[in-house]
Amino acid sequence: MSLPVRSVTPEFYVAAQLAPTDMAAAAAMGFKTVICNRPDMEGGAEQPASSSMQAAAVAAGLHYVYLPVVPGSITPEQAVAMKQALDVAQQPVLAFCRSGARSTQLFMLAQQTAA
């Protein structure tokens, strides 16, 4: 099984909302780190909680980072936090949010940030 991911750089990819069952597929695709940029409950009760996502990621051998950001309200501090997470992350990295756009935007802002 492969996931619908989009390459931003050779080492950074984005995806729409993932499920805990997707973590094994992410690991099989070669990803080493997963970053969740979607706040818990943003999509209602059907959205998997970050804690269940993290448990599934760890079980699949992935490093997991929870860095939630509100759409259209990314702060400079969140851009710095993303840069810091990326600086220590094992690559390649897969980040996700509702559609992948917020993760892409946060990545771009992190590239312009001095941590």
N, C-alpha and C. Protein backbone atom coordinates (compact mmCIF):
# COMPACT_ATOMS: atom_id res chain seq x y z
N MET A 1 0.84 -1.19 0.00
CA MET A 1 0.00 0.00 0.00
C MET A 1 0.88 1.24 0.00
N SER A 2 0.56 2.20 -0.83
CA SER A 2 1.30 3.46 -0.77
C SER A 2 0.30 4.58 -0.49
N LEU A 3 0.83 5.62 0.11
CA LEU A 3 0.00 6.76 0.51
C LEU A 3 0.07 7.85 -0.55
N PRO A 4 -1.01 8.64 -0.68
CA PRO A 4 -0.97 9.78 -1.60
C PRO A 4 -0.18 10.93 -0.97
N VAL A 5 1.11 11.00 -1.31
CA VAL A 5 1.98 12.04 -0.77
C VAL A 5 2.48 12.92 -1.90
N ARG A 6 2.83 14.16 -1.54
CA ARG A 6 3.39 15.10 -2.51
C ARG A 6 4.78 15.50 -2.05
N SER A 7 5.72 15.48 -2.95
CA SER A 7 7.09 15.87 -2.64
C SER A 7 7.22 17.39 -2.69
N VAL A 8 7.75 17.96 -1.61
CA VAL A 8 8.07 19.38 -1.57
C VAL A 8 9.56 19.53 -1.88
N THR A 9 10.37 18.67 -1.27
CA THR A 9 11.80 18.53 -1.58
C THR A 9 12.09 17.03 -1.59
N PRO A 10 13.29 16.63 -1.97
CA PRO A 10 13.58 15.19 -1.95
C PRO A 10 13.51 14.57 -0.55
N GLU A 11 13.57 15.39 0.49
CA GLU A 11 13.56 14.87 1.85
C GLU A 11 12.32 15.27 2.65
N PHE A 12 11.39 16.03 2.05
CA PHE A 12 10.20 16.49 2.76
C PHE A 12 8.97 16.31 1.89
N TYR A 13 7.99 15.60 2.43
CA TYR A 13 6.75 15.29 1.72
C TYR A 13 5.57 15.70 2.58
N VAL A 14 4.44 15.94 1.93
CA VAL A 14 3.21 16.27 2.66
C VAL A 14 2.08 15.36 2.21
N ALA A 15 1.08 15.26 3.10
CA ALA A 15 -0.10 14.46 2.82
C ALA A 15 -1.29 15.09 3.51
N ALA A 16 -2.47 14.70 3.06
CA ALA A 16 -3.70 15.06 3.77
C ALA A 16 -3.80 14.20 5.02
N GLN A 17 -4.85 14.40 5.79
CA GLN A 17 -5.03 13.67 7.05
C GLN A 17 -4.73 12.18 6.89
N LEU A 18 -3.90 11.67 7.75
CA LEU A 18 -3.57 10.26 7.77
C LEU A 18 -4.33 9.57 8.90
N ALA A 19 -4.35 8.27 8.87
CA ALA A 19 -4.97 7.45 9.91
C ALA A 19 -3.88 6.63 10.59
N PRO A 20 -4.14 6.16 11.80
CA PRO A 20 -3.14 5.31 12.45
C PRO A 20 -2.70 4.12 11.58
N THR A 21 -3.63 3.57 10.82
CA THR A 21 -3.30 2.44 9.95
C THR A 21 -2.35 2.81 8.82
N ASP A 22 -2.18 4.12 8.56
CA ASP A 22 -1.27 4.57 7.50
C ASP A 22 0.19 4.60 7.93
N MET A 23 0.45 4.48 9.23
CA MET A 23 1.82 4.61 9.71
C MET A 23 2.73 3.49 9.21
N ALA A 24 2.21 2.27 9.16
CA ALA A 24 3.01 1.16 8.64
C ALA A 24 3.34 1.39 7.16
N ALA A 25 2.37 1.91 6.40
CA ALA A 25 2.62 2.19 4.99
C ALA A 25 3.67 3.30 4.84
N ALA A 26 3.60 4.31 5.70
CA ALA A 26 4.61 5.39 5.64
C ALA A 26 6.00 4.83 5.90
N ALA A 27 6.10 3.95 6.89
CA ALA A 27 7.39 3.33 7.19
C ALA A 27 7.87 2.48 6.01
N ALA A 28 6.95 1.74 5.40
CA ALA A 28 7.29 0.89 4.26
C ALA A 28 7.74 1.72 3.05
N MET A 29 7.24 2.96 2.96
CA MET A 29 7.64 3.86 1.87
C MET A 29 8.99 4.51 2.14
N GLY A 30 9.55 4.26 3.33
CA GLY A 30 10.89 4.77 3.64
C GLY A 30 10.92 6.00 4.52
N PHE A 31 9.77 6.51 4.92
CA PHE A 31 9.78 7.68 5.79
C PHE A 31 10.34 7.31 7.15
N LYS A 32 11.02 8.27 7.77
CA LYS A 32 11.62 8.06 9.09
C LYS A 32 10.92 8.89 10.16
N THR A 33 10.36 10.04 9.77
CA THR A 33 9.72 10.96 10.71
C THR A 33 8.37 11.37 10.14
N VAL A 34 7.37 11.46 11.02
CA VAL A 34 6.04 11.97 10.67
C VAL A 34 5.76 13.17 11.56
N ILE A 35 5.32 14.27 10.93
CA ILE A 35 4.97 15.48 11.66
C ILE A 35 3.49 15.77 11.44
N CYS A 36 2.76 15.87 12.55
CA CYS A 36 1.34 16.21 12.49
C CYS A 36 1.18 17.71 12.73
N ASN A 37 0.63 18.42 11.75
CA ASN A 37 0.39 19.85 11.87
C ASN A 37 -1.08 20.19 12.08
N ARG A 38 -1.88 19.20 12.36
CA ARG A 38 -3.32 19.41 12.52
C ARG A 38 -3.72 19.31 14.00
N PRO A 39 -4.33 20.35 14.56
CA PRO A 39 -4.78 20.27 15.96
C PRO A 39 -5.80 19.15 16.16
N ASP A 40 -5.71 18.48 17.31
CA ASP A 40 -6.70 17.47 17.65
C ASP A 40 -8.10 18.07 17.60
N MET A 41 -9.04 17.29 17.13
CA MET A 41 -10.47 17.64 17.06
C MET A 41 -10.80 18.73 16.03
N GLU A 42 -9.83 19.18 15.24
CA GLU A 42 -10.12 20.17 14.20
C GLU A 42 -11.18 19.64 13.23
N GLY A 43 -11.10 18.36 12.93
CA GLY A 43 -12.04 17.75 11.99
C GLY A 43 -13.18 17.02 12.69
N GLY A 44 -13.33 17.26 13.99
CA GLY A 44 -14.40 16.60 14.73
C GLY A 44 -13.97 15.25 15.25
N ALA A 45 -14.93 14.51 15.76
CA ALA A 45 -14.66 13.24 16.42
C ALA A 45 -14.09 12.18 15.48
N GLU A 46 -14.34 12.30 14.18
CA GLU A 46 -13.83 11.28 13.25
C GLU A 46 -12.33 11.43 12.98
N GLN A 47 -11.74 12.58 13.34
CA GLN A 47 -10.31 12.78 13.15
C GLN A 47 -9.55 12.01 14.23
N PRO A 48 -8.57 11.18 13.84
CA PRO A 48 -7.82 10.45 14.84
C PRO A 48 -7.04 11.40 15.76
N ALA A 49 -7.02 11.10 17.04
CA ALA A 49 -6.28 11.91 18.01
C ALA A 49 -4.78 11.73 17.78
N SER A 50 -4.03 12.78 18.06
CA SER A 50 -2.59 12.72 17.88
C SER A 50 -1.97 11.60 18.72
N SER A 51 -2.52 11.35 19.88
CA SER A 51 -1.95 10.28 20.72
C SER A 51 -2.06 8.92 20.04
N SER A 52 -3.16 8.65 19.35
CA SER A 52 -3.29 7.37 18.65
C SER A 52 -2.40 7.35 17.41
N MET A 53 -2.23 8.50 16.77
CA MET A 53 -1.33 8.58 15.63
C MET A 53 0.11 8.32 16.07
N GLN A 54 0.48 8.93 17.20
CA GLN A 54 1.84 8.75 17.71
C GLN A 54 2.10 7.29 18.08
N ALA A 55 1.16 6.66 18.75
CA ALA A 55 1.33 5.26 19.13
C ALA A 55 1.53 4.38 17.90
N ALA A 56 0.75 4.62 16.86
CA ALA A 56 0.88 3.84 15.62
C ALA A 56 2.20 4.13 14.93
N ALA A 57 2.62 5.39 14.94
CA ALA A 57 3.90 5.76 14.31
C ALA A 57 5.07 5.08 15.02
N VAL A 58 5.07 5.15 16.34
CA VAL A 58 6.15 4.53 17.12
C VAL A 58 6.15 3.01 16.89
N ALA A 59 4.97 2.41 16.86
CA ALA A 59 4.88 0.97 16.63
C ALA A 59 5.43 0.59 15.25
N ALA A 60 5.34 1.52 14.30
CA ALA A 60 5.86 1.28 12.95
C ALA A 60 7.34 1.66 12.82
N GLY A 61 7.94 2.12 13.92
CA GLY A 61 9.36 2.48 13.89
C GLY A 61 9.63 3.90 13.44
N LEU A 62 8.61 4.74 13.47
CA LEU A 62 8.76 6.13 13.03
C LEU A 62 8.92 7.07 14.22
N HIS A 63 9.63 8.16 13.99
CA HIS A 63 9.68 9.25 14.97
C HIS A 63 8.45 10.12 14.68
N TYR A 64 7.77 10.60 15.73
CA TYR A 64 6.54 11.36 15.55
C TYR A 64 6.66 12.70 16.27
N VAL A 65 6.25 13.76 15.56
CA VAL A 65 6.25 15.11 16.13
C VAL A 65 4.84 15.68 16.00
N TYR A 66 4.32 16.19 17.10
CA TYR A 66 3.01 16.85 17.09
C TYR A 66 3.24 18.34 17.18
N LEU A 67 3.01 19.05 16.08
CA LEU A 67 3.18 20.50 16.00
C LEU A 67 1.94 21.09 15.35
N PRO A 68 0.85 21.22 16.14
CA PRO A 68 -0.42 21.68 15.58
C PRO A 68 -0.42 23.17 15.28
N VAL A 69 -0.96 23.52 14.14
CA VAL A 69 -1.12 24.93 13.76
C VAL A 69 -2.53 25.13 13.21
N VAL A 70 -3.08 26.31 13.50
CA VAL A 70 -4.41 26.66 13.03
C VAL A 70 -4.28 27.21 11.61
N PRO A 71 -5.14 26.78 10.68
CA PRO A 71 -5.04 27.27 9.30
C PRO A 71 -5.11 28.80 9.24
N GLY A 72 -4.20 29.37 8.46
CA GLY A 72 -4.19 30.82 8.28
C GLY A 72 -3.65 31.60 9.46
N SER A 73 -3.17 30.91 10.49
CA SER A 73 -2.70 31.59 11.70
C SER A 73 -1.36 31.04 12.16
N ILE A 74 -0.48 30.71 11.24
CA ILE A 74 0.83 30.20 11.62
C ILE A 74 1.64 31.34 12.24
N THR A 75 2.18 31.07 13.43
CA THR A 75 2.94 32.11 14.14
C THR A 75 4.44 31.96 13.84
N PRO A 76 5.19 33.04 14.06
CA PRO A 76 6.65 32.92 13.90
C PRO A 76 7.23 31.85 14.82
N GLU A 77 6.67 31.68 16.00
CA GLU A 77 7.15 30.67 16.94
C GLU A 77 6.94 29.26 16.39
N GLN A 78 5.82 29.06 15.71
CA GLN A 78 5.56 27.75 15.12
C GLN A 78 6.51 27.47 13.96
N ALA A 79 6.86 28.50 13.19
CA ALA A 79 7.83 28.33 12.11
C ALA A 79 9.19 27.94 12.69
N VAL A 80 9.57 28.57 13.80
CA VAL A 80 10.84 28.22 14.47
C VAL A 80 10.78 26.79 14.99
N ALA A 81 9.65 26.43 15.60
CA ALA A 81 9.50 25.06 16.12
C ALA A 81 9.59 24.04 14.99
N MET A 82 9.02 24.35 13.83
CA MET A 82 9.10 23.45 12.69
C MET A 82 10.54 23.33 12.22
N LYS A 83 11.24 24.45 12.14
CA LYS A 83 12.65 24.41 11.73
C LYS A 83 13.46 23.55 12.69
N GLN A 84 13.23 23.74 13.98
CA GLN A 84 13.95 22.95 14.97
C GLN A 84 13.63 21.47 14.85
N ALA A 85 12.37 21.15 14.62
CA ALA A 85 11.98 19.75 14.44
C ALA A 85 12.64 19.16 13.20
N LEU A 86 12.67 19.92 12.11
CA LEU A 86 13.28 19.44 10.87
C LEU A 86 14.79 19.29 11.01
N ASP A 87 15.42 20.19 11.78
CA ASP A 87 16.87 20.13 11.95
C ASP A 87 17.33 18.84 12.61
N VAL A 88 16.48 18.25 13.46
CA VAL A 88 16.88 17.03 14.16
C VAL A 88 16.17 15.78 13.63
N ALA A 89 15.23 15.95 12.71
CA ALA A 89 14.43 14.83 12.20
C ALA A 89 15.26 13.91 11.33
N GLN A 90 15.00 12.61 11.49
CA GLN A 90 15.55 11.66 10.54
C GLN A 90 14.76 11.82 9.25
N GLN A 91 15.46 11.81 8.12
CA GLN A 91 14.81 12.02 6.84
C GLN A 91 14.68 10.71 6.08
N PRO A 92 13.74 10.64 5.18
CA PRO A 92 12.78 11.67 4.77
C PRO A 92 11.65 11.85 5.79
N VAL A 93 11.05 13.05 5.71
CA VAL A 93 9.99 13.47 6.62
C VAL A 93 8.67 13.52 5.86
N LEU A 94 7.61 13.06 6.51
CA LEU A 94 6.25 13.16 5.98
C LEU A 94 5.45 14.00 6.97
N ALA A 95 4.96 15.16 6.54
CA ALA A 95 4.12 16.02 7.38
C ALA A 95 2.70 15.98 6.84
N PHE A 96 1.73 16.08 7.76
CA PHE A 96 0.35 16.08 7.30
C PHE A 96 -0.50 17.05 8.08
N CYS A 97 -1.61 17.45 7.45
CA CYS A 97 -2.63 18.30 8.06
C CYS A 97 -3.95 17.90 7.37
N ARG A 98 -4.88 18.81 7.25
CA ARG A 98 -6.15 18.44 6.61
C ARG A 98 -5.94 18.12 5.13
N SER A 99 -5.20 18.99 4.43
CA SER A 99 -5.01 18.81 2.99
C SER A 99 -3.55 18.68 2.56
N GLY A 100 -2.63 19.06 3.44
CA GLY A 100 -1.21 19.10 3.10
C GLY A 100 -0.72 20.52 2.86
N ALA A 101 -1.63 21.46 2.61
CA ALA A 101 -1.25 22.85 2.32
C ALA A 101 -0.60 23.54 3.52
N ARG A 102 -1.17 23.36 4.68
CA ARG A 102 -0.65 23.99 5.89
C ARG A 102 0.75 23.47 6.21
N SER A 103 0.96 22.18 6.05
CA SER A 103 2.28 21.60 6.28
C SER A 103 3.30 22.17 5.30
N THR A 104 2.88 22.33 4.05
CA THR A 104 3.77 22.92 3.04
C THR A 104 4.11 24.36 3.41
N GLN A 105 3.10 25.13 3.80
CA GLN A 105 3.33 26.53 4.17
C GLN A 105 4.26 26.62 5.38
N LEU A 106 4.03 25.79 6.37
CA LEU A 106 4.87 25.80 7.56
C LEU A 106 6.31 25.42 7.21
N PHE A 107 6.49 24.46 6.32
CA PHE A 107 7.82 24.07 5.87
C PHE A 107 8.52 25.26 5.20
N MET A 108 7.80 25.95 4.31
CA MET A 108 8.40 27.09 3.61
C MET A 108 8.80 28.19 4.59
N LEU A 109 7.94 28.47 5.56
CA LEU A 109 8.26 29.48 6.57
C LEU A 109 9.46 29.05 7.41
N ALA A 110 9.55 27.77 7.71
CA ALA A 110 10.68 27.26 8.49
C ALA A 110 12.00 27.44 7.75
N GLN A 111 11.95 27.36 6.42
CA GLN A 111 13.17 27.53 5.62
C GLN A 111 13.69 28.96 5.69
N GLN A 112 12.81 29.91 6.00
CA GLN A 112 13.18 31.32 6.06
C GLN A 112 13.53 31.76 7.48
N THR A 113 13.52 30.81 8.42
CA THR A 113 13.66 31.13 9.84
C THR A 113 15.02 30.74 10.35
N ALA A 114 15.59 31.60 11.16
CA ALA A 114 16.82 31.27 11.87
C ALA A 114 16.42 30.75 13.24
N ALA A 115 16.72 29.49 13.51
CA ALA A 115 16.30 28.88 14.79
C ALA A 115 17.14 29.40 15.95
